[in-house]
Amino acid sequence: MSVRAYRVIEIQYEKQNSFNLWRDGKLMDFLDRRGCFYDSLNEDSVGLTEVSIKVLQKALQEVELEPEVREIIQKDIEACKDSGYVQYYCF
């Protein structure tokens, strides 16, 4: 079996960002410790990455977040609960 690369035609994303990689330091520290958040991003932290629902739920319990960030992450979890992870496009 082989892995093939496909040209991306369109990436759709929410109009409002879920969180800011530079501003939300406590969340990013948590996500970095709990998973491989940065592994699929380039050296400028740009690209697609995935975070498991379980890790996001744990973050909501353990990390002090701004109320609006907490609310958006809860919406992300609800929207993606069937897949088990949330995919984020960081740019």
N, C-alpha and C. Protein backbone atom coordinates (compact mmCIF):
# COMPACT_ATOMS: atom_id res chain seq x y z
N MET A 1 0.84 -1.17 0.00
CA MET A 1 0.00 0.00 0.00
C MET A 1 0.90 1.24 0.00
N SER A 2 0.47 2.28 -0.67
CA SER A 2 1.26 3.51 -0.72
C SER A 2 0.40 4.69 -0.27
N VAL A 3 1.06 5.79 0.00
CA VAL A 3 0.40 7.02 0.39
C VAL A 3 0.58 8.01 -0.74
N ARG A 4 -0.49 8.61 -1.17
CA ARG A 4 -0.44 9.54 -2.29
C ARG A 4 -0.70 10.97 -1.81
N ALA A 5 -0.15 11.93 -2.49
CA ALA A 5 -0.35 13.34 -2.17
C ALA A 5 -1.33 13.94 -3.17
N TYR A 6 -2.25 14.72 -2.67
CA TYR A 6 -3.25 15.37 -3.51
C TYR A 6 -3.16 16.89 -3.34
N ARG A 7 -3.28 17.57 -4.44
CA ARG A 7 -3.30 19.03 -4.40
C ARG A 7 -4.59 19.48 -3.70
N VAL A 8 -4.46 20.43 -2.80
CA VAL A 8 -5.62 20.97 -2.09
C VAL A 8 -6.25 22.04 -2.95
N ILE A 9 -7.55 21.95 -3.13
CA ILE A 9 -8.28 22.94 -3.92
C ILE A 9 -8.89 24.00 -3.00
N GLU A 10 -9.45 23.53 -1.89
CA GLU A 10 -10.11 24.48 -1.00
C GLU A 10 -10.09 23.95 0.43
N ILE A 11 -9.80 24.83 1.37
CA ILE A 11 -9.91 24.52 2.79
C ILE A 11 -10.95 25.46 3.36
N GLN A 12 -11.94 24.91 4.01
CA GLN A 12 -12.98 25.72 4.64
C GLN A 12 -12.75 25.73 6.15
N TYR A 13 -12.93 26.88 6.76
CA TYR A 13 -12.74 27.00 8.21
C TYR A 13 -13.74 28.00 8.76
N GLU A 14 -13.93 27.96 10.07
CA GLU A 14 -14.85 28.87 10.74
C GLU A 14 -14.37 30.31 10.57
N LYS A 15 -15.29 31.24 10.62
CA LYS A 15 -14.93 32.65 10.47
C LYS A 15 -14.20 33.18 11.71
N GLN A 16 -14.56 32.65 12.88
CA GLN A 16 -13.92 33.07 14.12
C GLN A 16 -12.91 32.02 14.57
N ASN A 17 -11.72 32.48 14.94
CA ASN A 17 -10.73 31.51 15.40
C ASN A 17 -11.14 30.91 16.75
N SER A 18 -10.71 29.69 17.00
CA SER A 18 -11.02 29.01 18.25
C SER A 18 -10.12 29.49 19.37
N PHE A 19 -8.85 29.66 19.08
CA PHE A 19 -7.88 30.17 20.05
C PHE A 19 -6.67 30.68 19.28
N ASN A 20 -5.78 31.35 20.01
CA ASN A 20 -4.59 31.96 19.40
C ASN A 20 -3.35 31.25 19.94
N LEU A 21 -2.56 30.70 19.06
CA LEU A 21 -1.38 29.93 19.47
C LEU A 21 -0.39 30.78 20.26
N TRP A 22 -0.30 32.06 20.01
CA TRP A 22 0.65 32.92 20.71
C TRP A 22 0.05 33.52 21.98
N ARG A 23 -1.21 33.88 21.93
CA ARG A 23 -1.84 34.57 23.06
C ARG A 23 -2.32 33.63 24.16
N ASP A 24 -2.80 32.45 23.79
CA ASP A 24 -3.36 31.50 24.75
C ASP A 24 -2.28 30.50 25.20
N GLY A 25 -1.28 31.04 25.87
CA GLY A 25 -0.10 30.26 26.25
C GLY A 25 -0.40 29.08 27.15
N LYS A 26 -1.28 29.24 28.13
CA LYS A 26 -1.58 28.13 29.04
C LYS A 26 -2.22 26.97 28.29
N LEU A 27 -3.12 27.28 27.38
CA LEU A 27 -3.75 26.23 26.58
C LEU A 27 -2.72 25.55 25.69
N MET A 28 -1.86 26.33 25.07
CA MET A 28 -0.87 25.75 24.16
C MET A 28 0.13 24.89 24.92
N ASP A 29 0.52 25.31 26.11
CA ASP A 29 1.41 24.48 26.94
C ASP A 29 0.74 23.15 27.24
N PHE A 30 -0.55 23.20 27.59
CA PHE A 30 -1.30 21.98 27.89
C PHE A 30 -1.37 21.08 26.66
N LEU A 31 -1.75 21.65 25.52
CA LEU A 31 -1.89 20.85 24.29
C LEU A 31 -0.55 20.27 23.85
N ASP A 32 0.50 21.02 24.05
CA ASP A 32 1.83 20.54 23.66
C ASP A 32 2.27 19.38 24.56
N ARG A 33 1.95 19.45 25.84
CA ARG A 33 2.30 18.36 26.76
C ARG A 33 1.45 17.12 26.54
N ARG A 34 0.21 17.29 26.12
CA ARG A 34 -0.73 16.18 26.00
C ARG A 34 -0.75 15.50 24.63
N GLY A 35 -0.12 16.08 23.68
CA GLY A 35 -0.21 15.50 22.34
C GLY A 35 0.87 16.03 21.44
N CYS A 36 0.63 15.94 20.19
CA CYS A 36 1.61 16.33 19.18
C CYS A 36 1.07 17.51 18.38
N PHE A 37 0.60 18.52 19.08
CA PHE A 37 -0.07 19.64 18.41
C PHE A 37 0.78 20.24 17.29
N TYR A 38 2.06 20.45 17.56
CA TYR A 38 2.92 21.15 16.60
C TYR A 38 3.54 20.23 15.55
N ASP A 39 3.43 18.93 15.71
CA ASP A 39 4.14 18.00 14.83
C ASP A 39 3.81 18.17 13.35
N SER A 40 2.57 18.46 13.03
CA SER A 40 2.19 18.57 11.62
C SER A 40 2.21 20.00 11.11
N LEU A 41 2.62 20.95 11.96
CA LEU A 41 2.71 22.35 11.54
C LEU A 41 4.14 22.65 11.10
N ASN A 42 4.29 23.66 10.26
CA ASN A 42 5.63 24.03 9.81
C ASN A 42 6.35 24.87 10.88
N GLU A 43 7.56 25.34 10.58
CA GLU A 43 8.36 26.08 11.55
C GLU A 43 7.71 27.39 11.98
N ASP A 44 6.73 27.88 11.23
CA ASP A 44 6.00 29.09 11.60
C ASP A 44 4.68 28.78 12.29
N SER A 45 4.47 27.52 12.66
CA SER A 45 3.23 27.05 13.30
C SER A 45 2.02 27.18 12.37
N VAL A 46 2.22 26.97 11.09
CA VAL A 46 1.17 27.04 10.10
C VAL A 46 0.91 25.65 9.55
N GLY A 47 -0.37 25.32 9.37
CA GLY A 47 -0.76 24.05 8.78
C GLY A 47 -1.99 23.47 9.45
N LEU A 48 -2.24 22.20 9.17
CA LEU A 48 -3.39 21.48 9.73
C LEU A 48 -2.91 20.59 10.87
N THR A 49 -3.68 20.56 11.95
CA THR A 49 -3.37 19.70 13.08
C THR A 49 -4.67 19.18 13.68
N GLU A 50 -4.57 18.13 14.46
CA GLU A 50 -5.75 17.54 15.08
C GLU A 50 -5.53 17.42 16.58
N VAL A 51 -6.63 17.62 17.33
CA VAL A 51 -6.61 17.46 18.79
C VAL A 51 -7.78 16.55 19.15
N SER A 52 -7.52 15.55 19.96
CA SER A 52 -8.59 14.63 20.34
C SER A 52 -9.61 15.34 21.23
N ILE A 53 -10.84 14.90 21.14
CA ILE A 53 -11.92 15.44 21.96
C ILE A 53 -11.57 15.26 23.44
N LYS A 54 -11.01 14.12 23.80
CA LYS A 54 -10.67 13.85 25.20
C LYS A 54 -9.66 14.86 25.72
N VAL A 55 -8.68 15.20 24.91
CA VAL A 55 -7.67 16.19 25.33
C VAL A 55 -8.31 17.56 25.49
N LEU A 56 -9.19 17.93 24.58
CA LEU A 56 -9.87 19.23 24.68
C LEU A 56 -10.77 19.28 25.92
N GLN A 57 -11.47 18.20 26.20
CA GLN A 57 -12.32 18.15 27.40
C GLN A 57 -11.48 18.29 28.66
N LYS A 58 -10.33 17.64 28.68
CA LYS A 58 -9.42 17.73 29.82
C LYS A 58 -8.90 19.17 29.96
N ALA A 59 -8.61 19.81 28.84
CA ALA A 59 -8.16 21.20 28.87
C ALA A 59 -9.21 22.11 29.48
N LEU A 60 -10.47 21.87 29.15
CA LEU A 60 -11.55 22.68 29.72
C LEU A 60 -11.62 22.52 31.24
N GLN A 61 -11.27 21.36 31.73
CA GLN A 61 -11.29 21.09 33.17
C GLN A 61 -10.08 21.67 33.89
N GLU A 62 -8.93 21.65 33.24
CA GLU A 62 -7.67 21.93 33.94
C GLU A 62 -7.01 23.26 33.64
N VAL A 63 -7.37 23.89 32.53
CA VAL A 63 -6.67 25.11 32.11
C VAL A 63 -7.56 26.32 32.32
N GLU A 64 -6.96 27.37 32.85
CA GLU A 64 -7.68 28.64 33.01
C GLU A 64 -7.75 29.31 31.64
N LEU A 65 -8.96 29.44 31.12
CA LEU A 65 -9.16 30.00 29.78
C LEU A 65 -10.05 31.22 29.83
N GLU A 66 -9.88 32.10 28.87
CA GLU A 66 -10.82 33.21 28.71
C GLU A 66 -12.21 32.63 28.43
N PRO A 67 -13.27 33.26 28.94
CA PRO A 67 -14.62 32.72 28.74
C PRO A 67 -14.99 32.48 27.27
N GLU A 68 -14.58 33.40 26.38
CA GLU A 68 -14.94 33.22 24.96
C GLU A 68 -14.18 32.04 24.34
N VAL A 69 -12.93 31.82 24.76
CA VAL A 69 -12.16 30.68 24.25
C VAL A 69 -12.79 29.39 24.75
N ARG A 70 -13.16 29.36 26.02
CA ARG A 70 -13.82 28.18 26.60
C ARG A 70 -15.10 27.84 25.83
N GLU A 71 -15.90 28.86 25.54
CA GLU A 71 -17.16 28.66 24.82
C GLU A 71 -16.93 28.11 23.41
N ILE A 72 -15.95 28.65 22.71
CA ILE A 72 -15.67 28.21 21.35
C ILE A 72 -15.15 26.77 21.35
N ILE A 73 -14.28 26.43 22.28
CA ILE A 73 -13.77 25.06 22.34
C ILE A 73 -14.90 24.09 22.65
N GLN A 74 -15.83 24.48 23.51
CA GLN A 74 -17.00 23.63 23.77
C GLN A 74 -17.81 23.41 22.49
N LYS A 75 -17.96 24.45 21.69
CA LYS A 75 -18.66 24.33 20.41
C LYS A 75 -17.89 23.43 19.45
N ASP A 76 -16.56 23.55 19.43
CA ASP A 76 -15.72 22.69 18.60
C ASP A 76 -15.93 21.22 18.98
N ILE A 77 -15.93 20.96 20.27
CA ILE A 77 -16.13 19.59 20.76
C ILE A 77 -17.47 19.05 20.32
N GLU A 78 -18.51 19.84 20.49
CA GLU A 78 -19.86 19.41 20.11
C GLU A 78 -19.96 19.15 18.61
N ALA A 79 -19.37 20.02 17.81
CA ALA A 79 -19.45 19.89 16.35
C ALA A 79 -18.71 18.67 15.84
N CYS A 80 -17.68 18.23 16.56
CA CYS A 80 -16.81 17.17 16.05
C CYS A 80 -16.83 15.90 16.91
N LYS A 81 -17.78 15.80 17.83
CA LYS A 81 -17.77 14.68 18.78
C LYS A 81 -17.85 13.31 18.10
N ASP A 82 -18.49 13.22 16.97
CA ASP A 82 -18.62 11.92 16.29
C ASP A 82 -17.30 11.44 15.70
N SER A 83 -16.41 12.35 15.35
CA SER A 83 -15.14 11.94 14.75
C SER A 83 -14.07 11.64 15.80
N GLY A 84 -14.25 12.15 17.01
CA GLY A 84 -13.28 11.89 18.07
C GLY A 84 -12.14 12.89 18.14
N TYR A 85 -12.09 13.82 17.21
CA TYR A 85 -11.04 14.83 17.21
C TYR A 85 -11.55 16.09 16.51
N VAL A 86 -10.86 17.20 16.78
CA VAL A 86 -11.13 18.46 16.09
C VAL A 86 -9.90 18.78 15.24
N GLN A 87 -10.12 19.09 14.00
CA GLN A 87 -9.02 19.48 13.12
C GLN A 87 -8.97 21.00 13.08
N TYR A 88 -7.76 21.53 13.28
CA TYR A 88 -7.57 22.99 13.26
C TYR A 88 -6.63 23.36 12.12
N TYR A 89 -6.98 24.44 11.43
CA TYR A 89 -6.12 25.02 10.39
C TYR A 89 -5.49 26.26 11.02
N CYS A 90 -4.21 26.22 11.22
CA CYS A 90 -3.50 27.31 11.88
C CYS A 90 -2.76 28.15 10.85
N PHE A 91 -2.98 29.45 10.87
CA PHE A 91 -2.29 30.36 9.96
C PHE A 91 -2.30 31.76 10.51
